[in-house]
């Protein structure tokens, strides 16, 4: 596996570990918490923290075995699409104040989509030798 691709996948492992910790402890900071300034229930964040651990395992497995990378990329791409769909909902808009913008959520969605693009390019440009 190309070193840069492995590094990117392991960076995702670290990112998702940090995200799981932030959700578990309710540390609402952008990047680790996409919807950081919206109403929430603490038990939901605990559930999210456990669910994010599946991303940790998936990206770690992908860093160890190139055959797992397409699955990890699919999941990451679907995550970006899912976040984009949430960003466009009336439900999200209904919990925001007039002063709040969805721009920060779109920026974070864009970062995740950008990560997907970078990892996909690294995967597609790899040498099979």
Protein backbone atom coordinates (compact mmCIF):
# COMPACT_ATOMS: atom_id res chain seq x y z
CA UNK A 1 0.00 0.00 0.00
CA UNK A 2 1.34 3.47 -0.82
CA UNK A 3 2.70 5.24 2.22
CA UNK A 4 0.70 8.43 1.64
CA UNK A 5 -2.57 6.49 1.34
CA UNK A 6 -1.79 4.57 4.55
CA UNK A 7 -0.98 7.84 6.32
CA UNK A 8 -4.29 9.34 5.14
CA UNK A 9 -6.24 6.34 6.37
CA UNK A 10 -4.47 6.43 9.74
CA UNK A 11 -5.15 10.17 9.95
CA UNK A 12 -8.84 9.26 9.57
CA UNK A 13 -8.45 6.79 12.45
CA UNK A 14 -7.07 9.59 14.64
CA UNK A 15 -9.78 12.01 13.49
CA UNK A 16 -12.58 9.57 14.26
CA UNK A 17 -11.07 8.68 17.66
CA UNK A 18 -11.09 12.39 18.51
CA UNK A 19 -14.65 12.70 17.21
CA UNK A 20 -15.80 9.77 19.35
CA UNK A 21 -14.16 11.31 22.43
CA UNK A 22 -15.74 14.71 21.72
CA UNK A 23 -19.20 13.17 21.38
CA UNK A 24 -18.80 10.97 24.44
CA UNK A 25 -17.83 13.89 26.66
CA UNK A 26 -20.05 16.48 24.94
CA UNK A 27 -17.12 18.63 23.80
CA UNK A 28 -18.96 20.63 21.17
CA UNK A 29 -16.23 22.00 18.91
CA UNK A 30 -16.38 22.40 15.13
CA UNK A 31 -14.69 19.72 13.03
CA UNK A 32 -15.15 17.06 15.71
CA UNK A 33 -18.81 17.94 16.09
CA UNK A 34 -20.47 18.94 12.81
CA UNK A 35 -23.65 20.34 14.37
CA UNK A 36 -21.83 21.84 17.34
CA UNK A 37 -24.26 24.67 18.07
CA UNK A 38 -27.59 22.90 17.77
CA UNK A 39 -29.79 21.49 20.54
CA UNK A 40 -28.91 17.93 21.56
CA UNK A 41 -29.55 15.20 24.07
CA UNK A 42 -26.53 13.81 25.90
CA UNK A 43 -27.61 10.20 25.37
CA UNK A 44 -27.65 10.76 21.60
CA UNK A 45 -24.06 11.93 21.71
CA UNK A 46 -23.04 8.82 23.63
CA UNK A 47 -24.69 6.68 20.94
CA UNK A 48 -22.91 8.66 18.21
CA UNK A 49 -19.58 8.18 20.01
CA UNK A 50 -20.03 4.40 19.96
CA UNK A 51 -21.15 4.42 16.32
CA UNK A 52 -18.09 6.45 15.33
CA UNK A 53 -15.93 3.65 16.71
CA UNK A 54 -17.01 1.61 13.68
CA UNK A 55 -15.32 4.25 11.49
CA UNK A 56 -12.18 3.89 13.63
CA UNK A 57 -12.14 0.13 13.04
CA UNK A 58 -12.99 0.42 9.36
CA UNK A 59 -10.26 2.94 8.57
CA UNK A 60 -7.72 1.03 10.65
CA UNK A 61 -8.57 -2.16 8.74
CA UNK A 62 -8.29 -0.24 5.46
CA UNK A 63 -4.82 1.01 6.47
CA UNK A 64 -3.75 -2.61 6.93
CA UNK A 65 -5.40 -4.16 3.86
CA UNK A 66 -5.85 -2.43 0.51
CA UNK A 67 -8.91 -4.59 -0.21
CA UNK A 68 -10.82 -2.77 2.55
CA UNK A 69 -10.08 0.71 1.17
CA UNK A 70 -13.00 0.81 -1.33
CA UNK A 71 -15.43 0.05 1.51
CA UNK A 72 -13.97 2.81 3.68
CA UNK A 73 -14.12 5.24 0.76
CA UNK A 74 -17.74 4.32 0.06
CA UNK A 75 -18.69 4.87 3.69
CA UNK A 76 -16.87 8.23 3.81
CA UNK A 77 -18.51 9.36 0.57
CA UNK A 78 -21.95 8.35 1.82
CA UNK A 79 -21.25 10.20 5.05
CA UNK A 80 -20.56 13.42 3.13
CA UNK A 81 -23.74 12.93 1.10
CA UNK A 82 -25.72 12.22 4.27
CA UNK A 83 -24.43 15.37 5.95
CA UNK A 84 -25.27 17.39 2.83
CA UNK A 85 -28.82 16.05 2.90
CA UNK A 86 -29.17 17.00 6.60
CA UNK A 87 -27.81 20.48 5.85
CA UNK A 88 -30.66 21.04 3.39
CA UNK A 89 -33.50 19.90 5.64
CA UNK A 90 -36.23 22.04 7.09
CA UNK A 91 -35.72 20.10 10.32
CA UNK A 92 -32.22 21.54 10.73
CA UNK A 93 -33.43 25.00 9.78
CA UNK A 94 -36.18 24.76 12.40
CA UNK A 95 -33.70 24.41 15.29
CA UNK A 96 -31.48 27.29 14.20
CA UNK A 97 -31.94 30.88 15.28
CA UNK A 98 -32.15 33.67 12.72
CA UNK A 99 -28.52 34.54 13.47
CA UNK A 100 -27.30 31.01 12.83
CA UNK A 101 -26.14 30.02 9.39
CA UNK A 102 -25.69 26.57 7.94
CA UNK A 103 -22.35 27.73 6.50
CA UNK A 104 -20.25 26.08 9.26
CA UNK A 105 -22.00 22.75 8.65
CA UNK A 106 -21.42 23.04 4.91
CA UNK A 107 -17.75 23.85 5.53
CA UNK A 108 -17.33 20.75 7.67
CA UNK A 109 -19.24 18.65 5.14
CA UNK A 110 -16.91 20.03 2.47
CA UNK A 111 -13.86 19.06 4.51
CA UNK A 112 -15.11 15.49 4.81
CA UNK A 113 -15.92 15.43 1.08
CA UNK A 114 -12.45 16.83 0.36
CA UNK A 115 -10.90 14.11 2.46
CA UNK A 116 -12.89 11.57 0.44
CA UNK A 117 -11.56 13.11 -2.81
CA UNK A 118 -7.95 13.05 -1.62
CA UNK A 119 -8.13 9.46 -0.40
CA UNK A 120 -9.93 8.35 -3.55
CA UNK A 121 -7.28 9.93 -5.77
CA UNK A 122 -4.51 8.32 -3.71
CA UNK A 123 -6.25 4.97 -3.97
CA UNK A 124 -6.88 5.21 -7.71
CA UNK A 125 -3.31 6.35 -8.46
CA UNK A 126 -1.67 3.58 -6.47
CA UNK A 127 0.62 1.12 -8.13
CA UNK A 128 -0.43 -2.50 -7.78
CA UNK A 129 3.16 -3.63 -7.93
